[in-house]
Every structure is written in structure tokens, then in C-alpha cells.
Protein backbone atom coordinates (compact mmCIF):
# COMPACT_ATOMS: atom_id res chain seq x y z
CA MET A 1 92.62 106.92 119.06
CA LYS A 2 95.39 108.56 116.78
CA LEU A 3 95.14 109.94 113.37
CA LYS A 4 98.82 109.08 112.33
CA LYS A 5 99.15 105.60 113.43
CA LEU A 6 96.14 104.56 111.92
CA ILE A 7 97.12 105.73 108.46
CA PRO A 8 98.52 102.14 107.81
CA ALA A 9 95.22 100.52 108.61
CA ALA A 10 93.28 102.91 106.54
CA ILE A 11 95.13 101.64 103.55
CA PHE A 12 95.20 98.75 103.90
CA SER A 13 91.25 98.64 104.32
CA ALA A 14 91.19 100.94 101.19
CA ALA A 15 93.18 98.22 99.24
CA LEU A 16 90.57 95.50 100.77
CA LEU A 17 87.40 97.70 99.16
CA VAL A 18 88.88 98.04 95.69
CA SER A 19 90.22 94.80 95.74
CA PRO A 20 88.02 92.67 92.65
CA VAL A 21 85.58 89.87 93.60
CA VAL A 22 85.79 86.70 91.34
CA CYS A 23 82.97 85.89 89.54
CA SER A 24 81.23 85.00 86.87
CA ALA A 25 78.18 83.86 84.95
CA GLU A 26 79.43 79.74 83.92
CA GLU A 27 77.49 77.73 86.34
CA GLU A 28 79.14 74.09 87.13
CA SER A 29 77.23 70.96 88.79
CA LEU A 30 78.07 71.21 92.58
CA PRO A 31 77.22 69.70 95.44
CA ASP A 32 74.20 70.66 97.49
CA GLY A 33 74.37 74.26 99.36
CA THR A 34 77.18 76.15 96.80
CA GLN A 35 76.95 77.66 93.94
CA SER A 36 79.46 78.28 90.95
CA LEU A 37 81.23 81.40 90.06
CA GLY A 38 83.45 80.35 87.66
CA SER A 39 87.14 80.57 89.40
CA GLY A 40 85.21 79.88 92.65
CA GLY A 41 81.55 79.84 94.08
CA ILE A 42 79.27 80.25 96.78
CA TYR A 43 79.12 78.18 100.26
CA PHE A 44 75.65 78.69 101.85
CA GLY A 45 75.87 77.88 105.86
CA ASP A 46 73.59 78.29 108.65
CA GLY A 47 72.65 82.37 108.55
CA TYR A 48 75.73 83.27 106.46
CA SER A 49 77.52 82.67 103.02
CA LEU A 50 80.98 82.49 102.02
CA GLU A 51 82.91 83.08 98.58
CA TYR A 52 85.51 80.98 97.83
CA ALA A 53 88.14 80.45 95.63
CA TYR A 54 90.12 77.21 93.82
CA ILE A 55 93.74 77.72 94.42
CA ASN A 56 97.19 75.85 94.05
CA SER A 57 95.62 74.44 90.52
CA LYS A 58 91.60 73.44 91.77
CA THR A 59 93.52 71.42 94.33
CA GLU A 60 92.52 73.69 97.30
CA ILE A 61 90.10 75.91 98.23
CA SER A 62 90.29 79.44 100.16
CA VAL A 63 87.44 81.38 101.44
CA THR A 64 87.84 85.10 100.11
CA ALA A 65 84.52 86.89 101.18
CA CYS A 66 81.67 86.22 104.00
CA SER A 67 77.98 87.61 103.91
CA GLY A 68 77.91 90.86 106.00
CA GLU A 69 75.05 89.75 108.50
CA ALA A 70 77.00 86.59 109.77
CA VAL A 71 77.01 86.13 113.27
CA GLU A 72 78.40 83.11 114.05
CA VAL A 73 80.10 81.26 111.18
CA GLU A 74 81.64 77.69 110.93
CA ILE A 75 84.36 77.15 108.25
CA PRO A 76 83.69 73.86 106.61
CA LEU A 77 86.65 71.20 106.46
CA THR A 78 85.55 70.80 102.37
CA ILE A 79 83.85 72.81 100.23
CA ASP A 80 83.27 70.97 96.53
CA ASN A 81 85.33 67.69 97.61
CA LEU A 82 88.37 70.20 98.21
CA PRO A 83 89.82 70.32 101.57
CA VAL A 84 89.32 73.99 102.77
CA THR A 85 93.50 75.40 103.20
CA ASP A 86 93.29 79.20 103.26
CA ILE A 87 91.44 82.21 104.74
CA GLY A 88 91.90 85.06 102.29
CA GLU A 89 93.06 88.41 102.33
CA GLY A 90 90.35 90.87 104.05
CA ALA A 91 87.93 87.80 103.87
CA PHE A 92 85.69 88.84 107.04
CA TYR A 93 86.58 92.34 106.54
CA GLN A 94 83.97 94.59 108.74
CA CYS A 95 81.84 91.68 109.16
CA GLY A 96 80.27 93.82 112.07
CA ASP A 97 78.32 91.35 113.55
CA LEU A 98 80.51 88.18 113.59
CA THR A 99 80.62 87.23 117.30
CA ARG A 100 82.13 83.47 116.97
CA VAL A 101 84.08 81.66 114.01
CA THR A 102 85.25 78.17 113.90
CA MET A 103 87.46 76.57 111.13
CA GLY A 104 88.43 73.43 110.39
CA ASP A 105 91.54 71.23 111.09
CA LYS A 106 92.48 71.44 107.14
CA VAL A 107 93.39 75.65 107.27
CA THR A 108 96.97 76.34 107.01
CA THR A 109 96.73 79.88 106.58
CA ILE A 110 95.15 82.93 107.46
CA ASN A 111 95.95 86.33 105.39
CA ALA A 112 96.72 90.01 105.65
CA GLY A 113 93.51 91.53 107.51
CA ALA A 114 91.75 88.50 107.13
CA PHE A 115 89.57 89.13 110.22
CA PHE A 116 90.16 93.23 110.50
CA SER A 117 88.38 95.33 112.53
CA CYS A 118 85.19 92.46 113.37
CA GLU A 119 85.07 94.32 116.63
CA LEU A 120 82.43 92.33 118.35
CA LEU A 121 84.47 89.12 117.33
CA GLU A 122 84.03 87.28 120.87
CA GLU A 123 85.67 83.81 120.12
CA ILE A 124 87.95 82.06 117.36
CA GLY A 125 88.54 78.85 117.23
CA LEU A 126 92.01 77.93 115.16
CA SER A 127 92.56 75.09 113.32
CA ASP A 128 95.06 72.38 114.74
CA GLN A 129 96.82 72.69 111.21
CA LEU A 130 97.24 76.33 111.06
CA LYS A 131 101.34 77.20 110.22
CA THR A 132 100.64 81.26 109.43
CA ILE A 133 98.84 83.95 110.95
CA ASP A 134 99.63 87.13 108.39
CA TYR A 135 99.87 90.48 108.92
CA GLN A 136 97.07 92.48 110.94
CA ALA A 137 94.57 89.28 110.65
CA PHE A 138 92.89 90.42 113.87
CA TYR A 139 93.39 93.96 113.75
CA GLY A 140 90.90 95.99 115.64
CA CYS A 141 89.25 92.64 116.92
CA SER A 142 88.27 94.84 120.23
CA ALA A 143 86.35 92.08 121.84
CA LEU A 144 88.32 89.31 121.47
CA THR A 145 89.62 88.32 125.37
CA GLU A 146 91.94 85.82 124.44
CA PHE A 147 93.76 83.82 122.19
CA SER A 148 95.33 80.01 121.77
CA ILE A 149 98.12 79.25 119.40
CA PRO A 150 98.49 75.86 118.04
CA ALA A 151 101.56 73.33 118.12
CA THR A 152 101.77 74.24 114.28
CA LEU A 153 102.05 77.67 114.05
CA THR A 154 105.45 78.49 112.66
CA SER A 155 104.96 82.17 111.13
CA LEU A 156 102.97 85.59 113.01
CA GLY A 157 103.01 88.58 111.12
CA ASP A 158 103.54 92.46 111.96
CA GLY A 159 100.35 93.80 113.70
CA VAL A 160 98.16 90.78 114.04
CA PHE A 161 96.92 91.65 117.29
CA GLU A 162 97.24 95.73 117.38
CA GLY A 163 93.76 97.25 118.47
CA CYS A 164 92.46 94.19 120.31
CA THR A 165 92.01 96.38 123.52
CA ALA A 166 90.27 93.22 125.44
CA LEU A 167 92.88 90.73 124.71
CA GLY A 168 93.75 89.56 128.24
CA SER A 169 96.16 86.83 127.29
CA ILE A 170 97.96 84.78 124.36
CA ASP A 171 98.59 81.19 124.97
CA VAL A 172 100.71 78.93 123.40
CA ALA A 173 100.27 75.19 122.78
CA ASP A 174 102.62 72.84 124.46
CA GLY A 175 104.98 71.37 121.36
CA ASN A 176 104.88 74.87 119.68
CA THR A 177 108.73 74.85 118.59
CA VAL A 178 109.05 78.53 117.62
CA TYR A 179 106.64 80.64 120.29
CA SER A 180 106.26 80.30 123.90
CA ASP A 181 104.41 82.36 126.56
CA ALA A 182 104.66 83.57 130.23
CA ASP A 183 101.77 84.89 132.18
CA GLY A 184 99.97 85.66 129.12
CA VAL A 185 102.73 87.50 126.98
CA LEU A 186 103.78 86.14 123.80
CA TYR A 187 107.54 85.59 123.10
CA ASN A 188 109.64 83.58 120.68
CA ARG A 189 110.23 79.85 121.74
CA ASP A 190 113.73 80.39 124.29
CA GLN A 191 112.44 84.39 124.91
CA THR A 192 114.82 85.65 123.79
CA THR A 193 112.73 87.92 122.12
CA LEU A 194 109.33 89.97 123.15
CA ILE A 195 106.80 89.75 120.43
CA LYS A 196 103.47 90.87 122.25
CA PHE A 197 102.32 92.16 125.39
CA PRO A 198 98.46 91.80 124.98
CA GLU A 199 96.56 95.28 125.04
CA GLY A 200 93.71 94.31 127.55
CA ALA A 201 96.30 92.12 130.12
CA ASP A 202 95.65 93.43 134.12
CA ILE A 203 99.29 93.67 134.58
CA THR A 204 100.40 97.37 135.71
CA ALA A 205 103.94 96.67 136.53
CA PHE A 206 106.17 94.67 134.31
CA THR A 207 109.48 93.32 134.67
CA ILE A 208 110.80 91.76 131.01
CA PRO A 209 112.70 88.50 131.84
CA GLU A 210 116.84 88.98 131.49
CA THR A 211 116.67 86.48 128.62
CA VAL A 212 115.23 89.02 126.84
CA THR A 213 117.69 90.72 124.06
CA GLU A 214 114.91 91.91 121.69
CA ILE A 215 111.80 93.70 121.75
CA ARG A 216 109.78 93.81 118.60
CA ASN A 217 107.49 96.52 116.59
CA ASN A 218 104.59 97.50 118.40
CA ALA A 219 105.15 94.74 121.10
CA CYS A 220 103.57 97.11 124.04
CA TYR A 221 101.73 99.09 121.46
CA GLY A 222 98.13 99.57 122.92
CA ALA A 223 98.62 98.20 126.17
CA GLN A 224 95.59 99.74 128.29
CA LYS A 225 96.39 99.05 131.90
CA LEU A 226 100.40 98.96 131.82
CA GLN A 227 101.76 101.72 133.93
CA GLU A 228 104.76 101.06 134.40
CA VAL A 229 107.88 98.97 132.80
CA SER A 230 111.31 97.90 133.51
CA LEU A 231 114.02 96.62 130.62
CA PRO A 232 116.76 94.13 131.59
CA ALA A 233 120.39 94.65 131.23
CA SER A 234 120.40 92.16 128.39
CA LEU A 235 118.12 94.08 125.88
CA THR A 236 119.95 95.24 122.83
CA THR A 237 117.02 95.72 120.56
CA LEU A 238 114.07 97.79 120.44
CA GLY A 239 111.71 98.06 118.08
CA GLN A 240 109.96 101.13 116.82
CA TYR A 241 106.47 101.98 118.27
CA VAL A 242 107.00 99.68 121.16
CA PHE A 243 105.21 101.98 123.97
CA GLU A 244 103.40 103.86 121.80
CA GLY A 245 99.23 104.36 122.61
CA CYS A 246 99.50 102.98 126.14
CA PRO A 247 97.23 105.43 128.12
CA ALA A 248 98.50 104.78 131.76
CA LEU A 249 101.98 104.64 131.57
CA GLU A 250 104.18 106.41 133.60
CA SER A 251 108.07 105.44 133.59
CA ILE A 252 109.97 103.65 131.82
CA HIS A 253 113.00 101.99 133.66
CA VAL A 254 116.09 100.37 132.44
CA SER A 255 118.71 98.35 133.98
CA ALA A 256 121.57 100.18 135.60
CA GLU A 257 124.11 97.37 133.61
CA ASN A 258 122.41 97.77 130.23
CA LYS A 259 125.02 99.16 127.83
CA THR A 260 122.54 100.42 124.86
CA TYR A 261 119.71 101.72 126.73
CA ALA A 262 119.18 104.27 130.00
CA ALA A 263 116.25 106.18 131.19
CA GLN A 264 116.06 109.12 133.50
CA ASP A 265 113.44 111.02 135.16
CA GLY A 266 111.28 107.71 133.68
CA VAL A 267 112.24 108.77 129.99
CA LEU A 268 113.76 106.26 127.75
CA PHE A 269 116.53 106.94 125.74
CA THR A 270 119.69 105.75 124.13
CA LYS A 271 122.65 104.82 126.50
CA ASP A 272 124.44 107.97 125.62
CA LEU A 273 120.84 110.25 126.28
CA SER A 274 122.01 111.57 122.60
CA THR A 275 119.24 109.99 121.65
CA LEU A 276 115.54 110.42 123.46
CA ILE A 277 113.29 107.56 122.71
CA LYS A 278 109.82 107.82 124.83
CA PHE A 279 108.78 110.50 126.69
CA PRO A 280 105.85 108.33 128.64
CA GLU A 281 102.29 109.36 128.07
CA GLN A 282 101.07 109.68 131.71
CA CYS A 283 104.86 110.73 132.77
CA ALA A 284 104.04 113.39 135.96
CA LEU A 285 106.36 115.87 134.55
CA THR A 286 105.03 119.28 133.46
CA GLU A 287 107.51 121.19 132.46
CA TYR A 288 110.80 119.91 131.30
CA ARG A 289 114.31 119.93 129.98
CA VAL A 290 115.59 117.93 127.30
CA PRO A 291 119.26 117.01 128.69
CA ASP A 292 122.31 118.76 127.10
CA SER A 293 123.77 115.61 125.63
CA THR A 294 120.59 115.21 123.47
CA LYS A 295 120.36 116.10 119.70
CA LYS A 296 117.44 113.87 118.58
CA LEU A 297 113.97 113.15 119.68
CA GLU A 298 112.89 110.03 118.33
CA ASN A 299 109.37 109.46 115.68
CA TRP A 300 106.74 109.45 118.19
CA SER A 301 108.62 110.22 121.40
CA PHE A 302 106.85 112.63 123.07
CA VAL A 303 102.98 111.43 121.24
CA GLY A 304 100.34 111.37 124.14
CA ALA A 305 101.97 113.10 126.88
CA GLU A 306 98.96 114.44 127.83
CA LYS A 307 100.31 116.28 131.20
CA LEU A 308 103.07 118.01 129.29
CA GLU A 309 102.96 121.96 129.42
CA THR A 310 106.33 123.58 128.52
CA ILE A 311 109.65 121.72 126.89
CA ASP A 312 112.90 123.47 126.42
CA LEU A 313 114.57 121.38 123.60
CA ASN A 314 117.77 122.41 124.59
CA GLN A 315 120.43 121.50 121.75
CA VAL A 316 118.04 119.27 120.08
CA THR A 317 119.03 119.52 116.29
CA GLU A 318 116.55 116.77 115.11
CA ILE A 319 112.54 115.97 115.78
CA GLY A 320 111.36 112.66 115.02
CA GLU A 321 108.04 112.52 112.98
CA ASP A 322 104.85 113.16 114.79
CA CYS A 323 106.99 114.15 117.75
CA PHE A 324 104.36 116.01 119.60
CA TYR A 325 101.42 114.23 118.62
CA TYR A 326 98.13 114.70 120.80
CA CYS A 327 100.38 116.53 123.80
CA THR A 328 97.11 118.42 124.62
CA ALA A 329 98.54 120.69 127.56
CA LEU A 330 101.38 121.88 125.54
CA LYS A 331 101.00 125.58 125.55
CA SER A 332 103.98 126.96 123.73
CA ILE A 333 107.41 125.56 121.87
CA THR A 334 110.53 127.25 120.40
CA ILE A 335 112.04 125.40 117.86
CA PRO A 336 116.07 125.48 118.56
CA GLU A 337 117.66 127.63 115.73
CA SER A 338 119.47 124.25 114.42
CA VAL A 339 116.21 122.21 113.73
CA THR A 340 115.59 122.62 109.69
CA LYS A 341 112.62 120.03 109.89
CA LEU A 342 109.25 119.40 111.61
CA ASN A 343 108.46 115.90 109.61
CA GLY A 344 104.90 114.53 109.74
CA ALA A 345 102.18 115.65 112.00
CA CYS A 346 104.81 117.23 114.43
CA PHE A 347 102.22 119.05 116.89
CA ALA A 348 98.63 117.94 115.58
CA TYR A 349 95.97 117.71 117.83
CA CYS A 350 98.00 120.09 120.85
CA THR A 351 94.89 121.63 121.40
CA ALA A 352 96.48 123.91 123.88
CA LEU A 353 99.13 125.12 121.96
CA SER A 354 99.17 129.14 121.78
CA GLU A 355 102.23 130.23 120.42
CA VAL A 356 105.19 128.79 117.93
CA ASN A 357 108.32 130.47 117.51
CA LEU A 358 109.89 129.08 114.03
CA PRO A 359 113.57 129.69 113.36
CA ASP A 360 115.34 131.18 109.96
CA GLY A 361 116.56 128.10 108.78
CA LEU A 362 113.78 125.52 109.04
CA THR A 363 113.10 124.62 105.48
CA THR A 364 110.06 121.95 106.07
CA ILE A 365 107.18 121.43 107.73
CA GLY A 366 105.47 118.34 106.80
CA PRO A 367 101.66 117.16 106.17
CA TYR A 368 99.35 118.01 108.82
CA CYS A 369 101.62 119.37 111.32
CA PHE A 370 100.28 122.02 113.28
CA VAL A 371 96.24 120.45 112.09
CA ASN A 372 93.86 120.87 114.73
CA CYS A 373 95.68 123.58 117.37
CA GLU A 374 92.64 125.04 117.57
CA SER A 375 94.38 127.65 120.21
CA LEU A 376 96.96 128.43 117.67
CA LYS A 377 95.87 132.09 116.37
CA THR A 378 98.92 133.45 114.48
CA VAL A 379 102.40 131.73 112.98
CA SER A 380 105.20 133.64 111.71
CA LEU A 381 106.89 131.44 108.90
CA PRO A 382 110.71 132.12 108.23
CA SER A 383 112.00 132.80 104.65
CA SER A 384 114.09 130.00 104.44
CA LEU A 385 111.14 127.52 104.21
CA THR A 386 111.12 125.58 100.92
CA GLN A 387 108.34 123.22 101.20
CA ILE A 388 105.14 123.55 103.66
CA GLY A 389 103.24 119.91 103.40
CA THR A 390 99.35 118.91 102.63
CA TYR A 391 96.95 120.88 105.79
CA ALA A 392 99.95 122.00 107.60
CA LEU A 393 98.98 124.86 108.61
CA GLY A 394 95.35 126.27 109.40
CA TYR A 395 93.04 123.51 108.94
CA ASN A 396 90.74 121.14 111.48
CA TYR A 397 90.59 117.43 110.78
CA ASP A 398 87.62 115.71 111.28
CA ASN A 399 87.97 112.62 112.68
CA GLU A 400 84.26 110.63 111.71
CA THR A 401 84.01 112.26 108.37
CA GLY A 402 87.85 112.62 107.26
CA ALA A 403 86.86 116.01 105.74
CA THR A 404 89.49 119.06 106.51
CA ALA A 405 88.52 122.65 106.78
CA VAL A 406 90.42 126.39 106.64
CA ARG A 407 90.00 127.77 110.11
CA ASP A 408 88.86 131.36 109.70
CA ASP A 409 90.09 132.52 112.94
CA PHE A 410 93.67 131.91 111.82
CA GLY A 411 96.38 133.67 110.31
CA LEU A 412 100.15 133.77 108.60
CA ILE A 413 103.26 136.25 108.99
CA VAL A 414 104.90 135.21 105.54
CA SER A 415 107.54 137.15 104.06
CA VAL A 416 107.16 138.42 100.25
CA GLY A 417 107.66 135.87 97.63
CA SER A 418 107.69 133.29 99.76
CA ILE A 419 106.96 129.98 100.34
CA GLY A 420 104.87 130.79 102.98
CA ALA A 421 103.03 133.36 101.06
CA ASP A 422 102.05 130.89 98.62
CA TYR A 423 101.03 128.40 100.79
CA ALA A 424 98.74 130.87 102.38
CA GLU A 425 96.94 132.29 98.92
CA SER A 426 96.68 128.62 97.38
CA ASN A 427 94.76 127.65 100.82
CA ASN A 428 92.99 130.53 101.11
CA ILE A 429 94.67 131.53 104.63
CA SER A 430 94.80 135.12 106.13
CA TYR A 431 98.19 136.02 105.93
CA THR A 432 100.14 139.70 106.63
CA LYS A 433 103.24 140.36 104.35
CA SER A 434 105.80 140.74 106.55
CA GLY A 435 108.34 142.19 103.90
CA MET A 436 105.80 144.98 102.90
CA THR A 437 104.96 145.72 106.14
CA LEU A 438 108.76 146.31 106.99
CA ALA A 439 109.44 148.38 103.94
CA ILE A 440 106.73 150.68 104.45
CA VAL A 441 107.80 151.39 107.99
CA LEU A 442 111.28 152.16 106.30
CA GLY A 443 110.09 154.62 104.01
CA ALA A 444 107.51 155.84 106.24
CA GLY A 445 110.66 156.72 108.57
CA ILE A 446 112.99 157.75 105.82
CA LEU A 447 110.48 160.54 104.70
CA LEU A 448 110.47 161.72 108.16
CA ILE A 449 113.69 162.19 108.24
CA ALA A 450 113.95 164.07 105.11
CA VAL A 451 111.32 166.34 106.34
CA ALA A 452 112.97 166.90 110.01
CA ILE A 453 116.13 167.77 107.93
CA LEU A 454 114.21 170.21 105.93
CA ILE A 455 112.67 171.84 108.91
CA ILE A 456 116.15 172.27 110.44
CA ALA A 457 117.28 173.86 107.43
CA LEU A 458 114.60 176.27 107.04
CA ILE A 459 114.40 177.35 111.00
CA SER A 460 118.28 177.39 110.48
CA ARG A 461 118.46 179.99 107.67
CA LYS A 462 115.84 182.20 109.09
CA ARG A 463 117.36 182.48 112.46
CA ALA A 464 120.65 183.72 110.17
CA MET A 465 118.88 186.25 108.65
CA THR A 466 117.43 187.54 111.78
CA VAL A 467 120.86 188.22 113.51
CA ARG A 468 122.57 190.02 110.22
CA PRO A 469 124.15 193.47 110.88
CA ALA A 470 123.39 196.96 109.12
CA LYS A 471 125.89 197.92 106.40
CA SER A 472 127.45 201.30 107.27
CA ALA A 473 124.83 202.53 109.98
CA ASN A 474 127.17 201.47 113.28
CA LYS A 475 131.01 203.27 111.28
CA PRO A 476 132.93 205.81 113.78
CA ALA A 477 132.30 209.49 112.53
CA SER A 478 136.15 209.87 111.66
CA ASP A 479 135.39 207.89 109.47
CA ARG A 480 132.32 209.14 107.53
CA LYS A 481 134.08 212.30 107.74
CA ASP A 482 137.13 210.79 106.10
CA GLN A 483 135.00 209.07 103.37
CA ASN A 484 133.12 212.59 102.45
CA HIS A 485 136.92 214.08 102.25
CA GLU A 486 137.58 211.94 99.74
């Protein structure tokens, strides 16, 4: 749903696209159903084919790719009389028709992005010898409804289940020494660490157990039905983006005995309220004033807060990356004088935002900062700016095509010779030079004053000439007589 959050996934998928496929014209004599590709080969199954490579000094097999038309795939125990132990990075990447996969009990490793974006995958049968599932291995498998972790699994990478929006439960086999589950939620063995709350779980109010001291990065990311969450007194460590992408989340509560975190009006803070961590997406507050003691807004802290219309940032000095992304009801924002940077896509997709006041002293506007702010028609840029990121102002972004376009209904007010003027010119954005306008106004004012002074002087001189007395006409007769006598 959100552009910025998907960037790591996009980078990963791009890497998969440019990864080389090992192939060669060299042919060897192999068992029926296989074809040599030099350092590997192709295995032909029923309605699908698998590319594979020799690993570990040609003692084991790694499945490296699958044919795009595959619907149901069975990964064999062996190929070329060697055990299939590894599912390679991105091996089933975007196999759009894939619905079911079973694998032989020799597989020990599922590498990063192995089943990335297999959107129709409903069932996955894991090896009983599986030890490792790597980063984002099942990212975007939005049809997957349940997942069973075998007793042998010891390593689970970050983001393995992100984008699995239908996943209702994660179960852990008895005997696993590293992981455990409770009510379909994944924890470490002794339940001191919350690892993953399934995105499709039917739980609306979630009270985290008192044993938990740590919540991992993205632990509750994308929880579709979660409305209320309560954090225990025992919690000391909260990872990044824990409650992002929770479209139904209304409030977060914290035990009064917790020494690290606190909540106020359903909003999550550090204990001393100096940092605001998360404003829930469905928080009922339409107007909000940040507490006096709050100086920092954490990265992504207001993302998706779709009811928030106005906010007073009060004494905030630091605004985190992508902070107000997708706040679609936000109408206006005044950035405090103490803030010097707007990081990342801070106000991207704030479609109702029509007024932005930027302070003198602001130095940085991040990439995509105001992208797709369709109600924003004009922004005045301070001369203090030293950096404006790509597509920061005056652009629309097309989510489907990835294309950007300059808006023809947007303009900037910039200072003469400023970074803002350079940005406007280089991006073909209409603008007004505030410094030149001021100079014209001042010049005109000075000219008017000079003209007024000249007019006043001329009028004064004319009046003086009008009232001057005649030279001797009014002298007394005696004086005239004396003068004649003389």
C-alpha cells in the first residue's frame, strides 16, 4: 500500500531480475528427466521444470529457478543422485500461478526471497530437516493462510512473512528448541521475544504476555484486523516499524509500571514523552497537539493516520523519516522554527494538504517529500535551504507504472539565487522570485517618496512667492519726504 515501505522489496526484486542464470552448452549423461547446463541442469516434473545448480563441491543440489507456468510443484529428494538441500535465492520469484509446493526431507535451507510474491501460493509443505528460512522468503504470499515451523528450524530471517495478509496462524512443532507459539503468534522459545503477529489473524485486541521483554522489527506489521494492543510492564525493547501498516489499529496501551514506554490518548511514547513513537492509523483524534515535552517524532510515527486533520507540533525539534506519509485528511501544517530537516517522503500522499508553512532555518527537504499532494498549489521556500531531494515538490507519482510527472497546477515562491530557484528551473516548475518582487516594491516605494517630496517642495516654493510684500509702496509719507530731501 505504501510506496516507501515497499522500496526494500523493490530493490530485492530488481536484484533478482539481474542475477545471472548459470547455463552452458556443455552436455553430460544424466538420468532421465534432467538436462545438463554445465554447472547445473534442468529437472522436468509434471507440468513444470526446475533449474538447479551443484553446490558444496558438487555434493548437493540447489534449486535455483522454476518455470513460470508451474501450478503445483514437488521438489524431489534427489537430482542426479545428489540430495536437494537448498532452495536458492528468488528461486520461485513471482511464479504467479503457483498454488502448492511440497519439498523432500533433504532440504535444509530456504534462501532470501525464495517464494517472493507468489501471490496464489496457498500451501507449503516444509522439509522435516529444515534449519534456515532467510530474509523475506515468503514475502507477499498473500494467499497463504497457515504456516507450520518444523522442530528442526533454528534460524528465521527478517520479513519472512511480510505481505502474507491472509496468514491466520503460525504454528511451531513440539520439540523446537528456538521458537514457540501461543494463539498462533510466533515467539522465541521462552516467550521473551515477540517475533511475528500474523497479518491475517482474527485477533482484534492483543495483550502481549508479561514474559515479553522485546518486540522484533515489523512484528505486528500489516496486522489487518488488530484494533487495540496492550504492552506489558516487562517490555524494554521495541523494534522498528512494529505497528506500521495496521489499518484498523485505534489505540496502544502501556502498563503504568513500564519503565521504558508510556501511552497518552492511545498514542505511544517513550516513558518521558520526549519521543512520539506511534500515532495509530485509526486513532479517533482529528485535532492533535503534541505534548510540551515531546521533541522528536519517530520515523513513520504518523503514517496512515487517516482521520488526523490538524496538528500542532508545539516544541518538536526533529521530524522522522516519512513521518506524515499517507495522512490523507491532513489539511495544513506549520513546521516549527526549531526543525531543520524534513526527511524522506514526509508528507507524500497527503491529498488534502493545502497549506504548508516552512520556517527560516530549514535546510533540507527530502526526496518525494510532497509527492502526490494534489491539493497543495503553492509553497514558499525559505532561503536557508541547502538541499532539495528528487521529486520533493511539484510532482505526481504513478504507483502502477512508477512514472513521475511535473504538476502544471503547482508553483513555488523562491528567493533570488537560492537553491529553491535552481530546483524550480531544473524541474520546469513555475515560480515567483520573492527577492525580485521585494526589490521592485521597495524601488517603487522609494520613487513615490521622492516624487512626493519634490511635489511638496514645489508647492511650498509657490506659496512663498505668492505672499511676499511690495518693495517700498507702503512706506510712510514722512519717510518719502526725507528721502526726497536727501
